[in-house]
């Protein structure tokens, strides 16, 4: 996945001005929002499918490491 690779754009981020770093954070959030927006119908369909299965005594299984794994633990708690 491209989101799991280092980006050459940020290779010298330690030399950037604080305002430029803040701007890049904002830009990346807009990019993430655009990606989610593009698949919102698919996300909604997945939510409906999960709800249906969970109401029928189904289960939701998380697989993840790092942040995604910690979020799964928090959801479970």
C-alpha atoms as a PDB file:
ATOM      1  CA  UNK A   1       0.000   0.000   0.000  1.00  0.00           C
ATOM      2  CA  UNK A   2       1.333   3.409  -0.903  1.00  0.00           C
ATOM      3  CA  UNK A   3       0.227   4.809   2.470  1.00  0.00           C
ATOM      4  CA  UNK A   4       2.728   2.519   4.190  1.00  0.00           C
ATOM      5  CA  UNK A   5       5.779   3.742   2.275  1.00  0.00           C
ATOM      6  CA  UNK A   6       8.027   6.675   3.057  1.00  0.00           C
ATOM      7  CA  UNK A   7       7.301   9.689   0.920  1.00  0.00           C
ATOM      8  CA  UNK A   8      10.277  11.396  -0.688  1.00  0.00           C
ATOM      9  CA  UNK A   9       8.390  14.671  -0.221  1.00  0.00           C
ATOM     10  CA  UNK A  10       9.095  14.545   3.522  1.00  0.00           C
ATOM     11  CA  UNK A  11      12.713  13.359   3.433  1.00  0.00           C
ATOM     12  CA  UNK A  12      13.999  16.700   4.702  1.00  0.00           C
ATOM     13  CA  UNK A  13      11.021  17.710   6.840  1.00  0.00           C
ATOM     14  CA  UNK A  14      13.353  18.362   9.764  1.00  0.00           C
ATOM     15  CA  UNK A  15      14.687  21.345   7.815  1.00  0.00           C
ATOM     16  CA  UNK A  16      11.283  22.829   6.985  1.00  0.00           C
ATOM     17  CA  UNK A  17       9.804  25.916   8.572  1.00  0.00           C
ATOM     18  CA  UNK A  18       7.084  25.222  11.132  1.00  0.00           C
ATOM     19  CA  UNK A  19       4.424  26.849   8.950  1.00  0.00           C
ATOM     20  CA  UNK A  20       5.344  24.574   6.023  1.00  0.00           C
ATOM     21  CA  UNK A  21       5.079  21.512   8.262  1.00  0.00           C
ATOM     22  CA  UNK A  22       1.658  22.644   9.476  1.00  0.00           C
ATOM     23  CA  UNK A  23       0.535  23.224   5.892  1.00  0.00           C
ATOM     24  CA  UNK A  24       1.646  19.730   4.864  1.00  0.00           C
ATOM     25  CA  UNK A  25      -0.351  18.250   7.752  1.00  0.00           C
ATOM     26  CA  UNK A  26      -3.458  20.113   6.603  1.00  0.00           C
ATOM     27  CA  UNK A  27      -2.891  19.046   2.970  1.00  0.00           C
ATOM     28  CA  UNK A  28      -2.558  15.400   3.976  1.00  0.00           C
ATOM     29  CA  UNK A  29      -5.837  15.584   5.896  1.00  0.00           C
ATOM     30  CA  UNK A  30      -7.615  16.968   2.846  1.00  0.00           C
ATOM     31  CA  UNK A  31      -6.124  14.169   0.740  1.00  0.00           C
ATOM     32  CA  UNK A  32      -7.369  11.579   3.252  1.00  0.00           C
ATOM     33  CA  UNK A  33     -10.809  13.168   3.280  1.00  0.00           C
ATOM     34  CA  UNK A  34     -10.959  13.099  -0.521  1.00  0.00           C
ATOM     35  CA  UNK A  35     -10.016   9.405  -0.544  1.00  0.00           C
ATOM     36  CA  UNK A  36     -12.729   8.523   1.968  1.00  0.00           C
ATOM     37  CA  UNK A  37     -15.272  10.694   0.161  1.00  0.00           C
ATOM     38  CA  UNK A  38     -14.563   8.841  -3.083  1.00  0.00           C
ATOM     39  CA  UNK A  39     -15.600   5.516  -1.522  1.00  0.00           C
ATOM     40  CA  UNK A  40     -18.344   6.709   0.828  1.00  0.00           C
ATOM     41  CA  UNK A  41     -21.008   4.551  -0.858  1.00  0.00           C
ATOM     42  CA  UNK A  42     -18.868   1.453  -0.405  1.00  0.00           C
ATOM     43  CA  UNK A  43     -18.250   2.363   3.235  1.00  0.00           C
ATOM     44  CA  UNK A  44     -21.990   2.803   3.816  1.00  0.00           C
ATOM     45  CA  UNK A  45     -22.677  -0.577   2.207  1.00  0.00           C
ATOM     46  CA  UNK A  46     -20.077  -2.204   4.466  1.00  0.00           C
ATOM     47  CA  UNK A  47     -21.667  -0.606   7.538  1.00  0.00           C
ATOM     48  CA  UNK A  48     -25.098  -1.930   6.555  1.00  0.00           C
ATOM     49  CA  UNK A  49     -23.658  -5.397   5.929  1.00  0.00           C
ATOM     50  CA  UNK A  50     -21.894  -5.389   9.314  1.00  0.00           C
ATOM     51  CA  UNK A  51     -25.011  -4.227  11.116  1.00  0.00           C
ATOM     52  CA  UNK A  52     -27.065  -6.986   9.538  1.00  0.00           C
ATOM     53  CA  UNK A  53     -24.549  -9.653  10.508  1.00  0.00           C
ATOM     54  CA  UNK A  54     -24.041  -8.327  14.037  1.00  0.00           C
ATOM     55  CA  UNK A  55     -27.801  -8.239  14.633  1.00  0.00           C
ATOM     56  CA  UNK A  56     -27.890 -11.904  13.604  1.00  0.00           C
ATOM     57  CA  UNK A  57     -25.327 -12.790  16.321  1.00  0.00           C
ATOM     58  CA  UNK A  58     -22.445 -12.397  13.919  1.00  0.00           C
ATOM     59  CA  UNK A  59     -19.065 -11.115  14.977  1.00  0.00           C
ATOM     60  CA  UNK A  60     -16.638  -8.448  13.920  1.00  0.00           C
ATOM     61  CA  UNK A  61     -13.021  -9.523  13.686  1.00  0.00           C
ATOM     62  CA  UNK A  62     -10.246  -6.953  13.676  1.00  0.00           C
ATOM     63  CA  UNK A  63      -6.812  -7.608  12.261  1.00  0.00           C
ATOM     64  CA  UNK A  64      -4.150  -5.004  12.744  1.00  0.00           C
ATOM     65  CA  UNK A  65      -0.927  -3.906  14.309  1.00  0.00           C
ATOM     66  CA  UNK A  66       0.307  -0.581  15.557  1.00  0.00           C
ATOM     67  CA  UNK A  67      -2.377   2.090  15.684  1.00  0.00           C
ATOM     68  CA  UNK A  68      -5.026  -0.038  13.998  1.00  0.00           C
ATOM     69  CA  UNK A  69      -4.449  -2.800  16.543  1.00  0.00           C
ATOM     70  CA  UNK A  70      -4.724  -0.382  19.445  1.00  0.00           C
ATOM     71  CA  UNK A  71      -7.953   1.055  18.013  1.00  0.00           C
ATOM     72  CA  UNK A  72      -9.374  -2.457  17.788  1.00  0.00           C
ATOM     73  CA  UNK A  73      -8.585  -3.020  21.467  1.00  0.00           C
ATOM     74  CA  UNK A  74     -10.272   0.275  22.375  1.00  0.00           C
ATOM     75  CA  UNK A  75     -13.378  -0.654  20.385  1.00  0.00           C
ATOM     76  CA  UNK A  76     -13.490  -3.998  22.134  1.00  0.00           C
ATOM     77  CA  UNK A  77     -13.260  -2.389  25.550  1.00  0.00           C
END
